[in-house]
Amino acid sequence: MVIHNRTKREKVKSRSRVATRGTATRPRLCVFRSNAEIYAQLIDDASKTVLSSASSLSKSTEKISKTDKSKKVGIAIAEKAKAAGISAVVFDRNGFLYHGRIKVLADAAREGGLVF
Protein backbone atom coordinates (compact mmCIF):
# COMPACT_ATOMS: atom_id res chain seq x y z
CA MET A 1 0.00 0.00 0.00
CA VAL A 2 1.39 3.37 -1.03
CA ILE A 3 0.96 6.30 1.34
CA HIS A 4 1.26 9.60 -0.47
CA ASN A 5 2.92 12.70 0.96
CA ARG A 6 -0.39 14.55 1.30
CA THR A 7 -1.89 11.66 3.25
CA LYS A 8 1.11 11.59 5.59
CA ARG A 9 0.86 15.35 6.15
CA GLU A 10 -2.86 15.05 6.93
CA LYS A 11 -2.13 12.38 9.56
CA VAL A 12 0.54 14.51 11.22
CA LYS A 13 -1.77 17.52 11.02
CA SER A 14 -4.62 15.71 12.77
CA ARG A 15 -2.33 14.43 15.55
CA SER A 16 -0.81 17.83 16.25
CA ARG A 17 -4.15 19.66 16.07
CA VAL A 18 -5.29 17.87 19.24
CA ALA A 19 -2.73 19.76 21.33
CA THR A 20 -2.71 22.99 19.29
CA ARG A 21 -5.69 25.19 20.14
CA GLY A 22 -5.97 28.94 19.81
CA THR A 23 -7.88 31.32 22.07
CA ALA A 24 -8.77 34.98 21.80
CA THR A 25 -5.78 35.99 23.94
CA ARG A 26 -3.37 33.48 22.36
CA PRO A 27 -4.55 32.61 18.83
CA ARG A 28 -3.17 29.86 16.62
CA LEU A 29 -0.72 30.97 13.92
CA CYS A 30 -1.54 28.52 11.13
CA VAL A 31 0.87 28.30 8.19
CA PHE A 32 0.16 26.76 4.77
CA ARG A 33 2.84 26.29 2.15
CA SER A 34 2.11 25.57 -1.49
CA ASN A 35 4.70 25.10 -4.22
CA ALA A 36 4.83 28.79 -5.09
CA GLU A 37 3.17 30.72 -2.24
CA ILE A 38 2.91 30.76 1.55
CA TYR A 39 -0.03 31.81 3.75
CA ALA A 40 -0.38 32.59 7.47
CA GLN A 41 -3.53 33.09 9.55
CA LEU A 42 -4.24 33.98 13.17
CA ILE A 43 -7.18 31.81 14.24
CA ASP A 44 -9.30 31.88 17.40
CA ASP A 45 -10.53 28.29 17.75
CA ALA A 46 -12.93 29.12 20.57
CA SER A 47 -15.07 31.40 18.39
CA LYS A 48 -13.96 29.78 15.10
CA THR A 49 -12.87 33.06 13.50
CA VAL A 50 -9.85 34.24 11.56
CA LEU A 51 -8.46 37.30 13.32
CA SER A 52 -5.86 38.24 10.72
CA SER A 53 -4.10 36.82 7.69
CA ALA A 54 -1.14 37.46 5.41
CA SER A 55 0.07 35.82 2.22
CA SER A 56 2.72 36.09 -0.45
CA LEU A 57 0.18 36.84 -3.19
CA SER A 58 0.82 40.59 -3.19
CA LYS A 59 2.38 42.21 -6.24
CA SER A 60 5.40 43.40 -4.23
CA THR A 61 6.63 39.79 -3.86
CA GLU A 62 6.53 38.74 -7.52
CA LYS A 63 10.23 38.62 -8.42
CA ILE A 64 11.80 37.45 -5.16
CA SER A 65 12.71 33.97 -3.92
CA LYS A 66 10.25 31.81 -2.01
CA THR A 67 12.35 32.10 1.14
CA ASP A 68 12.24 35.89 0.97
CA LYS A 69 8.47 35.70 0.42
CA SER A 70 8.20 33.66 3.62
CA LYS A 71 10.19 36.23 5.56
CA LYS A 72 7.95 39.08 4.31
CA VAL A 73 4.82 37.13 5.26
CA GLY A 74 6.23 36.45 8.75
CA ILE A 75 6.93 40.13 9.29
CA ALA A 76 3.51 41.10 7.89
CA ILE A 77 1.59 38.72 10.17
CA ALA A 78 3.57 39.98 13.18
CA GLU A 79 2.67 43.59 12.33
CA LYS A 80 -1.01 42.70 11.91
CA ALA A 81 -1.00 40.82 15.21
CA LYS A 82 0.54 43.75 17.05
CA ALA A 83 -2.05 46.08 15.50
CA ALA A 84 -4.76 43.75 16.83
CA GLY A 85 -3.17 43.74 20.30
CA ILE A 86 -1.84 40.18 20.12
CA SER A 87 1.65 39.45 21.37
CA ALA A 88 1.61 35.68 22.01
CA VAL A 89 0.49 32.92 19.64
CA VAL A 90 0.48 29.14 19.35
CA PHE A 91 2.43 28.03 16.26
CA ASP A 92 0.70 25.50 14.00
CA ARG A 93 2.97 24.20 11.27
CA ASN A 94 -0.01 22.40 9.71
CA GLY A 95 1.76 19.05 9.26
CA PHE A 96 4.77 20.50 7.44
CA LEU A 97 8.29 19.89 8.70
CA TYR A 98 9.78 22.74 10.72
CA HIS A 99 12.55 23.72 8.33
CA GLY A 100 13.00 25.76 5.19
CA ARG A 101 10.25 28.27 4.45
CA ILE A 102 8.20 27.34 7.54
CA LYS A 103 11.17 28.02 9.81
CA VAL A 104 11.99 31.30 8.02
CA LEU A 105 8.39 32.50 8.50
CA ALA A 106 8.45 31.56 12.18
CA ASP A 107 11.78 33.31 12.77
CA ALA A 108 10.55 36.44 10.98
CA ALA A 109 7.37 36.46 13.10
CA ARG A 110 9.52 36.20 16.24
CA GLU A 111 11.69 39.09 15.02
CA GLY A 112 8.48 41.06 14.49
CA GLY A 113 7.60 40.64 18.16
CA LEU A 114 5.39 37.54 18.38
CA VAL A 115 6.08 35.13 21.23
CA PHE A 116 5.66 31.38 20.71
C-alpha atoms as a PDB file:
ATOM      1  CA  MET A   1       0.000   0.000   0.000  1.00  0.00           C
ATOM      2  CA  VAL A   2       1.385   3.370  -1.032  1.00  0.00           C
ATOM      3  CA  ILE A   3       0.956   6.295   1.337  1.00  0.00           C
ATOM      4  CA  HIS A   4       1.257   9.597  -0.468  1.00  0.00           C
ATOM      5  CA  ASN A   5       2.923  12.697   0.962  1.00  0.00           C
ATOM      6  CA  ARG A   6      -0.386  14.554   1.297  1.00  0.00           C
ATOM      7  CA  THR A   7      -1.893  11.663   3.253  1.00  0.00           C
ATOM      8  CA  LYS A   8       1.115  11.586   5.586  1.00  0.00           C
ATOM      9  CA  ARG A   9       0.859  15.350   6.147  1.00  0.00           C
ATOM     10  CA  GLU A  10      -2.864  15.051   6.926  1.00  0.00           C
ATOM     11  CA  LYS A  11      -2.126  12.378   9.556  1.00  0.00           C
ATOM     12  CA  VAL A  12       0.543  14.514  11.224  1.00  0.00           C
ATOM     13  CA  LYS A  13      -1.766  17.524  11.023  1.00  0.00           C
ATOM     14  CA  SER A  14      -4.624  15.714  12.775  1.00  0.00           C
ATOM     15  CA  ARG A  15      -2.333  14.426  15.547  1.00  0.00           C
ATOM     16  CA  SER A  16      -0.809  17.829  16.255  1.00  0.00           C
ATOM     17  CA  ARG A  17      -4.154  19.662  16.065  1.00  0.00           C
ATOM     18  CA  VAL A  18      -5.294  17.868  19.239  1.00  0.00           C
ATOM     19  CA  ALA A  19      -2.729  19.759  21.328  1.00  0.00           C
ATOM     20  CA  THR A  20      -2.712  22.986  19.290  1.00  0.00           C
ATOM     21  CA  ARG A  21      -5.694  25.189  20.145  1.00  0.00           C
ATOM     22  CA  GLY A  22      -5.973  28.942  19.807  1.00  0.00           C
ATOM     23  CA  THR A  23      -7.879  31.316  22.073  1.00  0.00           C
ATOM     24  CA  ALA A  24      -8.770  34.984  21.802  1.00  0.00           C
ATOM     25  CA  THR A  25      -5.776  35.986  23.942  1.00  0.00           C
ATOM     26  CA  ARG A  26      -3.368  33.481  22.357  1.00  0.00           C
ATOM     27  CA  PRO A  27      -4.554  32.608  18.834  1.00  0.00           C
ATOM     28  CA  ARG A  28      -3.172  29.864  16.619  1.00  0.00           C
ATOM     29  CA  LEU A  29      -0.719  30.973  13.916  1.00  0.00           C
ATOM     30  CA  CYS A  30      -1.539  28.521  11.134  1.00  0.00           C
ATOM     31  CA  VAL A  31       0.866  28.300   8.189  1.00  0.00           C
ATOM     32  CA  PHE A  32       0.157  26.756   4.774  1.00  0.00           C
ATOM     33  CA  ARG A  33       2.837  26.286   2.153  1.00  0.00           C
ATOM     34  CA  SER A  34       2.109  25.575  -1.495  1.00  0.00           C
ATOM     35  CA  ASN A  35       4.701  25.095  -4.219  1.00  0.00           C
ATOM     36  CA  ALA A  36       4.835  28.794  -5.088  1.00  0.00           C
ATOM     37  CA  GLU A  37       3.175  30.723  -2.241  1.00  0.00           C
ATOM     38  CA  ILE A  38       2.907  30.762   1.552  1.00  0.00           C
ATOM     39  CA  TYR A  39      -0.029  31.808   3.751  1.00  0.00           C
ATOM     40  CA  ALA A  40      -0.381  32.592   7.468  1.00  0.00           C
ATOM     41  CA  GLN A  41      -3.533  33.086   9.553  1.00  0.00           C
ATOM     42  CA  LEU A  42      -4.236  33.981  13.171  1.00  0.00           C
ATOM     43  CA  ILE A  43      -7.183  31.810  14.237  1.00  0.00           C
ATOM     44  CA  ASP A  44      -9.302  31.883  17.399  1.00  0.00           C
ATOM     45  CA  ASP A  45     -10.526  28.291  17.752  1.00  0.00           C
ATOM     46  CA  ALA A  46     -12.931  29.123  20.568  1.00  0.00           C
ATOM     47  CA  SER A  47     -15.071  31.399  18.392  1.00  0.00           C
ATOM     48  CA  LYS A  48     -13.956  29.782  15.097  1.00  0.00           C
ATOM     49  CA  THR A  49     -12.873  33.058  13.502  1.00  0.00           C
ATOM     50  CA  VAL A  50      -9.848  34.235  11.558  1.00  0.00           C
ATOM     51  CA  LEU A  51      -8.458  37.299  13.321  1.00  0.00           C
ATOM     52  CA  SER A  52      -5.856  38.243  10.724  1.00  0.00           C
ATOM     53  CA  SER A  53      -4.097  36.821   7.691  1.00  0.00           C
ATOM     54  CA  ALA A  54      -1.136  37.461   5.407  1.00  0.00           C
ATOM     55  CA  SER A  55       0.073  35.818   2.220  1.00  0.00           C
ATOM     56  CA  SER A  56       2.724  36.091  -0.454  1.00  0.00           C
ATOM     57  CA  LEU A  57       0.182  36.844  -3.185  1.00  0.00           C
ATOM     58  CA  SER A  58       0.822  40.594  -3.190  1.00  0.00           C
ATOM     59  CA  LYS A  59       2.380  42.214  -6.237  1.00  0.00           C
ATOM     60  CA  SER A  60       5.403  43.395  -4.232  1.00  0.00           C
ATOM     61  CA  THR A  61       6.635  39.790  -3.857  1.00  0.00           C
ATOM     62  CA  GLU A  62       6.533  38.735  -7.517  1.00  0.00           C
ATOM     63  CA  LYS A  63      10.234  38.619  -8.418  1.00  0.00           C
ATOM     64  CA  ILE A  64      11.804  37.447  -5.156  1.00  0.00           C
ATOM     65  CA  SER A  65      12.710  33.971  -3.924  1.00  0.00           C
ATOM     66  CA  LYS A  66      10.249  31.809  -2.014  1.00  0.00           C
ATOM     67  CA  THR A  67      12.352  32.100   1.141  1.00  0.00           C
ATOM     68  CA  ASP A  68      12.238  35.894   0.965  1.00  0.00           C
ATOM     69  CA  LYS A  69       8.470  35.702   0.420  1.00  0.00           C
ATOM     70  CA  SER A  70       8.202  33.659   3.618  1.00  0.00           C
ATOM     71  CA  LYS A  71      10.191  36.228   5.555  1.00  0.00           C
ATOM     72  CA  LYS A  72       7.953  39.079   4.305  1.00  0.00           C
ATOM     73  CA  VAL A  73       4.816  37.128   5.262  1.00  0.00           C
ATOM     74  CA  GLY A  74       6.227  36.453   8.750  1.00  0.00           C
ATOM     75  CA  ILE A  75       6.934  40.129   9.294  1.00  0.00           C
ATOM     76  CA  ALA A  76       3.512  41.102   7.894  1.00  0.00           C
ATOM     77  CA  ILE A  77       1.595  38.717  10.171  1.00  0.00           C
ATOM     78  CA  ALA A  78       3.570  39.978  13.183  1.00  0.00           C
ATOM     79  CA  GLU A  79       2.666  43.585  12.332  1.00  0.00           C
ATOM     80  CA  LYS A  80      -1.014  42.702  11.910  1.00  0.00           C
ATOM     81  CA  ALA A  81      -1.000  40.818  15.208  1.00  0.00           C
ATOM     82  CA  LYS A  82       0.545  43.755  17.052  1.00  0.00           C
ATOM     83  CA  ALA A  83      -2.052  46.076  15.503  1.00  0.00           C
ATOM     84  CA  ALA A  84      -4.765  43.747  16.834  1.00  0.00           C
ATOM     85  CA  GLY A  85      -3.171  43.742  20.301  1.00  0.00           C
ATOM     86  CA  ILE A  86      -1.843  40.178  20.117  1.00  0.00           C
ATOM     87  CA  SER A  87       1.652  39.452  21.373  1.00  0.00           C
ATOM     88  CA  ALA A  88       1.614  35.677  22.005  1.00  0.00           C
ATOM     89  CA  VAL A  89       0.490  32.921  19.642  1.00  0.00           C
ATOM     90  CA  VAL A  90       0.484  29.136  19.352  1.00  0.00           C
ATOM     91  CA  PHE A  91       2.428  28.028  16.255  1.00  0.00           C
ATOM     92  CA  ASP A  92       0.699  25.495  13.999  1.00  0.00           C
ATOM     93  CA  ARG A  93       2.975  24.200  11.266  1.00  0.00           C
ATOM     94  CA  ASN A  94      -0.010  22.399   9.706  1.00  0.00           C
ATOM     95  CA  GLY A  95       1.756  19.049   9.259  1.00  0.00           C
ATOM     96  CA  PHE A  96       4.767  20.502   7.440  1.00  0.00           C
ATOM     97  CA  LEU A  97       8.291  19.894   8.702  1.00  0.00           C
ATOM     98  CA  TYR A  98       9.782  22.744  10.724  1.00  0.00           C
ATOM     99  CA  HIS A  99      12.554  23.724   8.326  1.00  0.00           C
ATOM    100  CA  GLY A 100      12.997  25.759   5.192  1.00  0.00           C
ATOM    101  CA  ARG A 101      10.246  28.269   4.448  1.00  0.00           C
ATOM    102  CA  ILE A 102       8.197  27.344   7.539  1.00  0.00           C
ATOM    103  CA  LYS A 103      11.172  28.023   9.810  1.00  0.00           C
ATOM    104  CA  VAL A 104      11.986  31.298   8.023  1.00  0.00           C
ATOM    105  CA  LEU A 105       8.386  32.495   8.496  1.00  0.00           C
ATOM    106  CA  ALA A 106       8.446  31.557  12.184  1.00  0.00           C
ATOM    107  CA  ASP A 107      11.776  33.306  12.773  1.00  0.00           C
ATOM    108  CA  ALA A 108      10.554  36.443  10.980  1.00  0.00           C
ATOM    109  CA  ALA A 109       7.373  36.463  13.100  1.00  0.00           C
ATOM    110  CA  ARG A 110       9.516  36.195  16.239  1.00  0.00           C
ATOM    111  CA  GLU A 111      11.688  39.089  15.021  1.00  0.00           C
ATOM    112  CA  GLY A 112       8.484  41.059  14.492  1.00  0.00           C
ATOM    113  CA  GLY A 113       7.601  40.639  18.164  1.00  0.00           C
ATOM    114  CA  LEU A 114       5.393  37.544  18.380  1.00  0.00           C
ATOM    115  CA  VAL A 115       6.079  35.126  21.234  1.00  0.00           C
ATOM    116  CA  PHE A 116       5.655  31.375  20.709  1.00  0.00           C
END
